[in-house]
Amino acid sequence: MSQALIELTDLSFSWPGQPALLDIPAFRLEPGETLFLKGPSGSGKTTLLGLLGGVQKPDHGSIRLLGQELTALSLAARDHFRVDHTGYIFQQFNLLPFLSVRENVELPCRFSRLRARRAEQRHGSIDQAAASLLAHLGLKDPALLARRADTLSIGQQQRVAAARALIGQPELVIADEPTSALDADAREAFIRLLFAECREAGASLLFVSHDQSLAPLFDRHLSLSELNRAAHGACAGEV
């Protein structure tokens, strides 16, 4: 069996004084795979993403990304590894409002020499990489690159956030409820653009959402409750 991009083994996590939130015996994400992960609020989706990014450490178990055991790294090393190899698209996009569109997209390359080098090798320069990604995602007006991020529409912000996640060809793109503010047609169009860019970059996509209608678009779809033996306890207090 080939090496997984992500491999979790006997993973458990709980917040202090709380019952287990996550108890995942095994999980794999393959290189180049698109995976839809469904789960309601409070089910541990965001915590799982934090563990995959090395923001939190599990109580027990193994998290391997590209063969690297994240639990063996220091916090600083986990932060560096995350920015080198993982791009995030957040639910609220988390663009820096005082920066331009171009500056927001290029931000990962300011923190990761690896992604800066990949962007330069693929596109000739970091600036050209940003412009090319934005154009592929439907933002082709050169004047837009100089605009402040807080002047954009929701749909434009979403595409800028996607370009920021993809620049420098990270091996893993994680999208956390990035389509919740869009109508059905816009959601599907955005996901197809995202698929195309992930394929072009050779990235795997882990897409987290509660919108089950999107699941058939992906190579594979799972409910967090299928993975998580602690799911019933974690969801017991939900309305």
C-alpha atoms as a PDB file:
ATOM      1  CA  MET A   1       0.000   0.000   0.000  1.00  0.00           C
ATOM      2  CA  SER A   2       1.339   3.432  -0.928  1.00  0.00           C
ATOM      3  CA  GLN A   3       2.042   6.052   1.715  1.00  0.00           C
ATOM      4  CA  ALA A   4      -1.033   8.015   2.745  1.00  0.00           C
ATOM      5  CA  LEU A   5      -0.952  11.794   2.727  1.00  0.00           C
ATOM      6  CA  ILE A   6      -2.633  11.750   6.161  1.00  0.00           C
ATOM      7  CA  GLU A   7      -2.757   8.734   8.439  1.00  0.00           C
ATOM      8  CA  LEU A   8      -4.341   8.724  11.901  1.00  0.00           C
ATOM      9  CA  THR A   9      -3.984   5.732  14.228  1.00  0.00           C
ATOM     10  CA  ASP A  10      -5.643   5.263  17.638  1.00  0.00           C
ATOM     11  CA  LEU A  11      -6.229   9.017  17.947  1.00  0.00           C
ATOM     12  CA  SER A  12      -7.975  10.356  21.044  1.00  0.00           C
ATOM     13  CA  PHE A  13      -8.519  13.912  22.252  1.00  0.00           C
ATOM     14  CA  SER A  14     -10.482  15.562  25.043  1.00  0.00           C
ATOM     15  CA  TRP A  15     -10.569  19.078  26.426  1.00  0.00           C
ATOM     16  CA  PRO A  16      -9.534  19.362  30.108  1.00  0.00           C
ATOM     17  CA  GLY A  17     -12.234  18.061  32.412  1.00  0.00           C
ATOM     18  CA  GLN A  18     -14.418  16.927  29.497  1.00  0.00           C
ATOM     19  CA  PRO A  19     -15.257  13.471  28.111  1.00  0.00           C
ATOM     20  CA  ALA A  20     -13.504  12.281  24.967  1.00  0.00           C
ATOM     21  CA  LEU A  21     -14.430  14.407  21.974  1.00  0.00           C
ATOM     22  CA  LEU A  22     -12.505  12.359  19.397  1.00  0.00           C
ATOM     23  CA  ASP A  23     -11.702   8.655  19.421  1.00  0.00           C
ATOM     24  CA  ILE A  24     -10.606   7.663  15.915  1.00  0.00           C
ATOM     25  CA  PRO A  25      -9.120   4.170  15.466  1.00  0.00           C
ATOM     26  CA  ALA A  26      -7.925   4.764  11.909  1.00  0.00           C
ATOM     27  CA  PHE A  27      -8.208   7.257   9.051  1.00  0.00           C
ATOM     28  CA  ARG A  28      -6.338   7.778   5.772  1.00  0.00           C
ATOM     29  CA  LEU A  29      -6.409  10.449   3.090  1.00  0.00           C
ATOM     30  CA  GLU A  30      -4.646   9.470  -0.110  1.00  0.00           C
ATOM     31  CA  PRO A  31      -2.452  11.725  -2.280  1.00  0.00           C
ATOM     32  CA  GLY A  32      -4.612  13.633  -4.775  1.00  0.00           C
ATOM     33  CA  GLU A  33      -7.886  12.497  -3.163  1.00  0.00           C
ATOM     34  CA  THR A  34     -10.895  14.778  -2.623  1.00  0.00           C
ATOM     35  CA  LEU A  35     -12.771  13.877   0.569  1.00  0.00           C
ATOM     36  CA  PHE A  36     -16.011  15.331   1.917  1.00  0.00           C
ATOM     37  CA  LEU A  37     -16.217  15.081   5.719  1.00  0.00           C
ATOM     38  CA  LYS A  38     -19.639  15.769   7.218  1.00  0.00           C
ATOM     39  CA  GLY A  39     -20.498  16.504  10.821  1.00  0.00           C
ATOM     40  CA  PRO A  40     -22.810  18.789  12.806  1.00  0.00           C
ATOM     41  CA  SER A  41     -21.638  21.653  15.001  1.00  0.00           C
ATOM     42  CA  GLY A  42     -20.040  20.370  18.181  1.00  0.00           C
ATOM     43  CA  SER A  43     -19.037  17.016  16.700  1.00  0.00           C
ATOM     44  CA  GLY A  44     -15.297  17.741  16.772  1.00  0.00           C
ATOM     45  CA  LYS A  45     -14.664  18.750  13.148  1.00  0.00           C
ATOM     46  CA  THR A  46     -12.762  21.934  14.005  1.00  0.00           C
ATOM     47  CA  THR A  47     -10.782  20.151  16.713  1.00  0.00           C
ATOM     48  CA  LEU A  48      -9.811  17.447  14.225  1.00  0.00           C
ATOM     49  CA  LEU A  49      -8.588  20.098  11.796  1.00  0.00           C
ATOM     50  CA  GLY A  50      -6.562  21.672  14.599  1.00  0.00           C
ATOM     51  CA  LEU A  51      -4.945  18.318  15.290  1.00  0.00           C
ATOM     52  CA  LEU A  52      -4.151  17.775  11.603  1.00  0.00           C
ATOM     53  CA  GLY A  53      -2.524  21.200  11.515  1.00  0.00           C
ATOM     54  CA  GLY A  54      -0.527  20.572  14.669  1.00  0.00           C
ATOM     55  CA  VAL A  55      -2.275  23.383  16.545  1.00  0.00           C
ATOM     56  CA  GLN A  56      -3.319  20.865  19.209  1.00  0.00           C
ATOM     57  CA  LYS A  57      -1.735  17.587  20.231  1.00  0.00           C
ATOM     58  CA  PRO A  58      -3.787  14.447  20.863  1.00  0.00           C
ATOM     59  CA  ASP A  59      -4.032  12.796  24.252  1.00  0.00           C
ATOM     60  CA  HIS A  60      -2.994   9.558  22.585  1.00  0.00           C
ATOM     61  CA  GLY A  61      -2.236   8.186  19.131  1.00  0.00           C
ATOM     62  CA  SER A  62      -0.438   8.994  15.924  1.00  0.00           C
ATOM     63  CA  ILE A  63      -0.913  11.753  13.325  1.00  0.00           C
ATOM     64  CA  ARG A  64       1.272  11.355  10.260  1.00  0.00           C
ATOM     65  CA  LEU A  65       1.288  13.939   7.458  1.00  0.00           C
ATOM     66  CA  LEU A  66       3.513  13.119   4.478  1.00  0.00           C
ATOM     67  CA  GLY A  67       5.091  10.435   6.669  1.00  0.00           C
ATOM     68  CA  GLN A  68       6.052  12.935   9.387  1.00  0.00           C
ATOM     69  CA  GLU A  69       4.790  12.126  12.880  1.00  0.00           C
ATOM     70  CA  LEU A  70       3.376  15.475  14.039  1.00  0.00           C
ATOM     71  CA  THR A  71       3.254  14.504  17.706  1.00  0.00           C
ATOM     72  CA  ALA A  72       7.054  14.147  17.683  1.00  0.00           C
ATOM     73  CA  LEU A  73       7.576  17.796  16.676  1.00  0.00           C
ATOM     74  CA  SER A  74       7.797  20.863  18.893  1.00  0.00           C
ATOM     75  CA  LEU A  75       5.056  23.497  18.608  1.00  0.00           C
ATOM     76  CA  ALA A  76       7.318  25.727  16.485  1.00  0.00           C
ATOM     77  CA  ALA A  77       8.245  22.820  14.228  1.00  0.00           C
ATOM     78  CA  ARG A  78       4.577  21.862  13.817  1.00  0.00           C
ATOM     79  CA  ASP A  79       3.741  25.468  12.860  1.00  0.00           C
ATOM     80  CA  HIS A  80       6.518  25.483  10.268  1.00  0.00           C
ATOM     81  CA  PHE A  81       5.488  22.102   8.876  1.00  0.00           C
ATOM     82  CA  ARG A  82       1.870  23.239   8.618  1.00  0.00           C
ATOM     83  CA  VAL A  83       2.618  26.387   6.622  1.00  0.00           C
ATOM     84  CA  ASP A  84       4.951  24.446   4.305  1.00  0.00           C
ATOM     85  CA  HIS A  85       2.513  21.674   3.469  1.00  0.00           C
ATOM     86  CA  THR A  86      -1.072  22.733   4.269  1.00  0.00           C
ATOM     87  CA  GLY A  87      -3.343  25.421   2.843  1.00  0.00           C
ATOM     88  CA  TYR A  88      -6.506  26.428   4.723  1.00  0.00           C
ATOM     89  CA  ILE A  89      -9.768  27.932   3.505  1.00  0.00           C
ATOM     90  CA  PHE A  90     -11.678  29.105   6.569  1.00  0.00           C
ATOM     91  CA  GLN A  91     -15.441  29.485   6.938  1.00  0.00           C
ATOM     92  CA  GLN A  92     -15.098  33.255   7.444  1.00  0.00           C
ATOM     93  CA  PHE A  93     -12.139  33.343   4.996  1.00  0.00           C
ATOM     94  CA  ASN A  94      -9.890  35.170   7.555  1.00  0.00           C
ATOM     95  CA  LEU A  95      -8.476  37.596   5.018  1.00  0.00           C
ATOM     96  CA  LEU A  96      -6.480  40.477   6.498  1.00  0.00           C
ATOM     97  CA  PRO A  97      -8.694  43.486   5.699  1.00  0.00           C
ATOM     98  CA  PHE A  98      -5.885  46.053   5.652  1.00  0.00           C
ATOM     99  CA  LEU A  99      -3.883  44.119   3.029  1.00  0.00           C
ATOM    100  CA  SER A 100      -4.509  44.082  -0.691  1.00  0.00           C
ATOM    101  CA  VAL A 101      -5.851  41.067  -2.529  1.00  0.00           C
ATOM    102  CA  ARG A 102      -2.367  40.292  -3.859  1.00  0.00           C
ATOM    103  CA  GLU A 103      -0.785  40.615  -0.405  1.00  0.00           C
ATOM    104  CA  ASN A 104      -3.369  38.283   1.119  1.00  0.00           C
ATOM    105  CA  VAL A 105      -2.801  35.614  -1.528  1.00  0.00           C
ATOM    106  CA  GLU A 106       0.990  35.839  -1.221  1.00  0.00           C
ATOM    107  CA  LEU A 107       1.005  35.660   2.580  1.00  0.00           C
ATOM    108  CA  PRO A 108       1.896  31.929   2.856  1.00  0.00           C
ATOM    109  CA  CYS A 109       4.982  32.543   0.727  1.00  0.00           C
ATOM    110  CA  ARG A 110       6.158  35.132   3.250  1.00  0.00           C
ATOM    111  CA  PHE A 111       6.171  32.455   5.963  1.00  0.00           C
ATOM    112  CA  SER A 112       7.281  29.440   3.916  1.00  0.00           C
ATOM    113  CA  ARG A 113      10.431  29.425   1.811  1.00  0.00           C
ATOM    114  CA  LEU A 114       9.335  26.099   0.338  1.00  0.00           C
ATOM    115  CA  ARG A 115       6.034  27.490  -0.957  1.00  0.00           C
ATOM    116  CA  ALA A 116       7.741  30.648  -2.200  1.00  0.00           C
ATOM    117  CA  ARG A 117      10.234  28.542  -4.136  1.00  0.00           C
ATOM    118  CA  ARG A 118       7.503  26.347  -5.602  1.00  0.00           C
ATOM    119  CA  ALA A 119       5.493  29.411  -6.668  1.00  0.00           C
ATOM    120  CA  GLU A 120       8.539  30.903  -8.364  1.00  0.00           C
ATOM    121  CA  GLN A 121       9.439  27.639 -10.105  1.00  0.00           C
ATOM    122  CA  ARG A 122       5.925  27.092 -11.432  1.00  0.00           C
ATOM    123  CA  HIS A 123       4.993  30.670 -12.387  1.00  0.00           C
ATOM    124  CA  GLY A 124       8.261  32.628 -12.589  1.00  0.00           C
ATOM    125  CA  SER A 125       7.488  34.823  -9.584  1.00  0.00           C
ATOM    126  CA  ILE A 126       5.279  34.932  -6.505  1.00  0.00           C
ATOM    127  CA  ASP A 127       3.370  37.893  -7.987  1.00  0.00           C
ATOM    128  CA  GLN A 128       2.627  35.948 -11.151  1.00  0.00           C
ATOM    129  CA  ALA A 129       1.585  32.904  -9.132  1.00  0.00           C
ATOM    130  CA  ALA A 130      -0.976  35.014  -7.254  1.00  0.00           C
ATOM    131  CA  ALA A 131      -2.315  36.594 -10.437  1.00  0.00           C
ATOM    132  CA  SER A 132      -2.556  33.236 -12.207  1.00  0.00           C
ATOM    133  CA  LEU A 133      -4.423  31.538  -9.355  1.00  0.00           C
ATOM    134  CA  LEU A 134      -6.874  34.426  -9.053  1.00  0.00           C
ATOM    135  CA  ALA A 135      -7.489  34.389 -12.800  1.00  0.00           C
ATOM    136  CA  HIS A 136      -8.175  30.633 -12.763  1.00  0.00           C
ATOM    137  CA  LEU A 137     -10.621  31.197  -9.904  1.00  0.00           C
ATOM    138  CA  GLY A 138     -12.528  33.817 -11.883  1.00  0.00           C
ATOM    139  CA  LEU A 139     -10.865  37.032 -10.678  1.00  0.00           C
ATOM    140  CA  LYS A 140      -9.178  38.186 -13.877  1.00  0.00           C
ATOM    141  CA  ASP A 141      -9.303  41.996 -13.480  1.00  0.00           C
ATOM    142  CA  PRO A 142      -5.706  43.160 -12.797  1.00  0.00           C
ATOM    143  CA  ALA A 143      -7.027  46.204 -10.907  1.00  0.00           C
ATOM    144  CA  LEU A 144      -8.601  43.903  -8.328  1.00  0.00           C
ATOM    145  CA  LEU A 145      -5.198  42.729  -7.067  1.00  0.00           C
ATOM    146  CA  ALA A 146      -4.486  46.160  -5.558  1.00  0.00           C
ATOM    147  CA  ARG A 147      -7.840  46.504  -3.784  1.00  0.00           C
ATOM    148  CA  ARG A 148      -8.135  46.052  -0.042  1.00  0.00           C
ATOM    149  CA  ALA A 149      -9.626  42.720   0.931  1.00  0.00           C
ATOM    150  CA  ASP A 150     -12.423  44.373   2.910  1.00  0.00           C
ATOM    151  CA  THR A 151     -13.829  45.978  -0.265  1.00  0.00           C
ATOM    152  CA  LEU A 152     -14.650  42.609  -1.874  1.00  0.00           C
ATOM    153  CA  SER A 153     -17.933  40.759  -2.152  1.00  0.00           C
ATOM    154  CA  ILE A 154     -18.382  37.473  -0.271  1.00  0.00           C
ATOM    155  CA  GLY A 155     -17.854  35.488  -3.472  1.00  0.00           C
ATOM    156  CA  GLN A 156     -14.659  37.405  -4.270  1.00  0.00           C
ATOM    157  CA  GLN A 157     -13.331  36.936  -0.735  1.00  0.00           C
ATOM    158  CA  GLN A 158     -13.960  33.213  -1.033  1.00  0.00           C
ATOM    159  CA  ARG A 159     -11.868  32.985  -4.198  1.00  0.00           C
ATOM    160  CA  VAL A 160      -9.062  35.053  -2.693  1.00  0.00           C
ATOM    161  CA  ALA A 161      -9.046  32.706   0.301  1.00  0.00           C
ATOM    162  CA  ALA A 162      -8.823  29.719  -2.048  1.00  0.00           C
ATOM    163  CA  ALA A 163      -5.928  31.266  -3.976  1.00  0.00           C
ATOM    164  CA  ARG A 164      -4.114  31.936  -0.687  1.00  0.00           C
ATOM    165  CA  ALA A 165      -4.567  28.290   0.331  1.00  0.00           C
ATOM    166  CA  LEU A 166      -3.309  26.997  -3.022  1.00  0.00           C
ATOM    167  CA  ILE A 167      -0.295  29.231  -3.647  1.00  0.00           C
ATOM    168  CA  GLY A 168       3.010  27.378  -3.493  1.00  0.00           C
ATOM    169  CA  GLN A 169       1.399  23.985  -4.088  1.00  0.00           C
ATOM    170  CA  PRO A 170       0.816  22.654  -0.569  1.00  0.00           C
ATOM    171  CA  GLU A 171       0.186  18.919  -0.601  1.00  0.00           C
ATOM    172  CA  LEU A 172      -2.957  19.272   1.516  1.00  0.00           C
ATOM    173  CA  VAL A 173      -5.803  21.800   1.215  1.00  0.00           C
ATOM    174  CA  ILE A 174      -8.294  21.902   4.096  1.00  0.00           C
ATOM    175  CA  ALA A 175     -11.573  23.727   3.538  1.00  0.00           C
ATOM    176  CA  ASP A 176     -13.697  24.343   6.657  1.00  0.00           C
ATOM    177  CA  GLU A 177     -17.309  25.198   5.675  1.00  0.00           C
ATOM    178  CA  PRO A 178     -16.121  27.639   2.974  1.00  0.00           C
ATOM    179  CA  THR A 179     -19.378  27.679   0.983  1.00  0.00           C
ATOM    180  CA  SER A 180     -21.896  28.339   3.755  1.00  0.00           C
ATOM    181  CA  ALA A 181     -22.575  31.922   2.602  1.00  0.00           C
ATOM    182  CA  LEU A 182     -23.241  30.989  -1.051  1.00  0.00           C
ATOM    183  CA  ASP A 183     -26.332  29.786  -2.878  1.00  0.00           C
ATOM    184  CA  ALA A 184     -26.465  26.251  -4.298  1.00  0.00           C
ATOM    185  CA  ASP A 185     -25.304  27.100  -7.836  1.00  0.00           C
ATOM    186  CA  ALA A 186     -22.423  29.236  -6.581  1.00  0.00           C
ATOM    187  CA  ARG A 187     -21.365  26.509  -4.131  1.00  0.00           C
ATOM    188  CA  GLU A 188     -21.093  23.845  -6.810  1.00  0.00           C
ATOM    189  CA  ALA A 189     -19.304  26.183  -9.239  1.00  0.00           C
ATOM    190  CA  PHE A 190     -16.761  27.118  -6.580  1.00  0.00           C
ATOM    191  CA  ILE A 191     -16.110  23.490  -5.642  1.00  0.00           C
ATOM    192  CA  ARG A 192     -15.489  22.543  -9.272  1.00  0.00           C
ATOM    193  CA  LEU A 193     -12.981  25.408  -9.566  1.00  0.00           C
ATOM    194  CA  LEU A 194     -11.340  24.247  -6.355  1.00  0.00           C
ATOM    195  CA  PHE A 195     -11.109  20.667  -7.668  1.00  0.00           C
ATOM    196  CA  ALA A 196      -9.461  21.902 -10.863  1.00  0.00           C
ATOM    197  CA  GLU A 197      -6.866  23.930  -8.972  1.00  0.00           C
ATOM    198  CA  CYS A 198      -6.130  21.095  -6.543  1.00  0.00           C
ATOM    199  CA  ARG A 199      -5.604  18.712  -9.470  1.00  0.00           C
ATOM    200  CA  GLU A 200      -3.315  21.230 -11.153  1.00  0.00           C
ATOM    201  CA  ALA A 201      -1.284  21.617  -7.957  1.00  0.00           C
ATOM    202  CA  GLY A 202      -1.350  17.889  -7.136  1.00  0.00           C
ATOM    203  CA  ALA A 203      -3.018  18.604  -3.781  1.00  0.00           C
ATOM    204  CA  SER A 204      -5.398  16.478  -1.740  1.00  0.00           C
ATOM    205  CA  LEU A 205      -8.567  18.210  -0.577  1.00  0.00           C
ATOM    206  CA  LEU A 206     -10.232  17.646   2.789  1.00  0.00           C
ATOM    207  CA  PHE A 207     -13.539  19.522   2.641  1.00  0.00           C
ATOM    208  CA  VAL A 208     -15.486  19.812   5.883  1.00  0.00           C
ATOM    209  CA  SER A 209     -19.154  20.750   5.761  1.00  0.00           C
ATOM    210  CA  HIS A 210     -22.615  19.927   7.085  1.00  0.00           C
ATOM    211  CA  ASP A 211     -24.138  20.341   3.580  1.00  0.00           C
ATOM    212  CA  GLN A 212     -24.676  16.751   2.465  1.00  0.00           C
ATOM    213  CA  SER A 213     -25.833  17.850  -1.018  1.00  0.00           C
ATOM    214  CA  LEU A 214     -22.206  18.535  -1.944  1.00  0.00           C
ATOM    215  CA  ALA A 215     -20.934  15.071  -1.025  1.00  0.00           C
ATOM    216  CA  PRO A 216     -21.512  13.344  -4.426  1.00  0.00           C
ATOM    217  CA  LEU A 217     -19.053  15.744  -6.086  1.00  0.00           C
ATOM    218  CA  PHE A 218     -16.130  14.229  -4.162  1.00  0.00           C
ATOM    219  CA  ASP A 219     -14.048  11.073  -4.629  1.00  0.00           C
ATOM    220  CA  ARG A 220     -15.153   9.902  -1.202  1.00  0.00           C
ATOM    221  CA  HIS A 221     -17.461  11.115   1.525  1.00  0.00           C
ATOM    222  CA  LEU A 222     -17.580  10.267   5.219  1.00  0.00           C
ATOM    223  CA  SER A 223     -19.481  11.335   8.285  1.00  0.00           C
ATOM    224  CA  LEU A 224     -17.286  12.102  11.274  1.00  0.00           C
ATOM    225  CA  SER A 225     -19.544   9.781  13.276  1.00  0.00           C
ATOM    226  CA  GLU A 226     -18.339   6.906  11.058  1.00  0.00           C
ATOM    227  CA  LEU A 227     -14.752   7.570  12.161  1.00  0.00           C
ATOM    228  CA  ASN A 228     -15.271   8.737  15.704  1.00  0.00           C
ATOM    229  CA  ARG A 229     -16.187   6.248  18.434  1.00  0.00           C
ATOM    230  CA  ALA A 230     -16.777   9.186  20.790  1.00  0.00           C
ATOM    231  CA  ALA A 231     -19.337  10.801  18.457  1.00  0.00           C
ATOM    232  CA  HIS A 232     -22.449   9.955  20.443  1.00  0.00           C
ATOM    233  CA  GLY A 233     -21.016  11.371  23.623  1.00  0.00           C
ATOM    234  CA  ALA A 234     -19.723  14.475  21.856  1.00  0.00           C
ATOM    235  CA  CYS A 235     -23.090  15.177  20.262  1.00  0.00           C
ATOM    236  CA  ALA A 236     -25.230  14.404  23.289  1.00  0.00           C
ATOM    237  CA  GLY A 237     -25.646  18.032  24.275  1.00  0.00           C
ATOM    238  CA  GLU A 238     -26.539  19.369  20.826  1.00  0.00           C
ATOM    239  CA  VAL A 239     -29.893  20.919  20.054  1.00  0.00           C
END
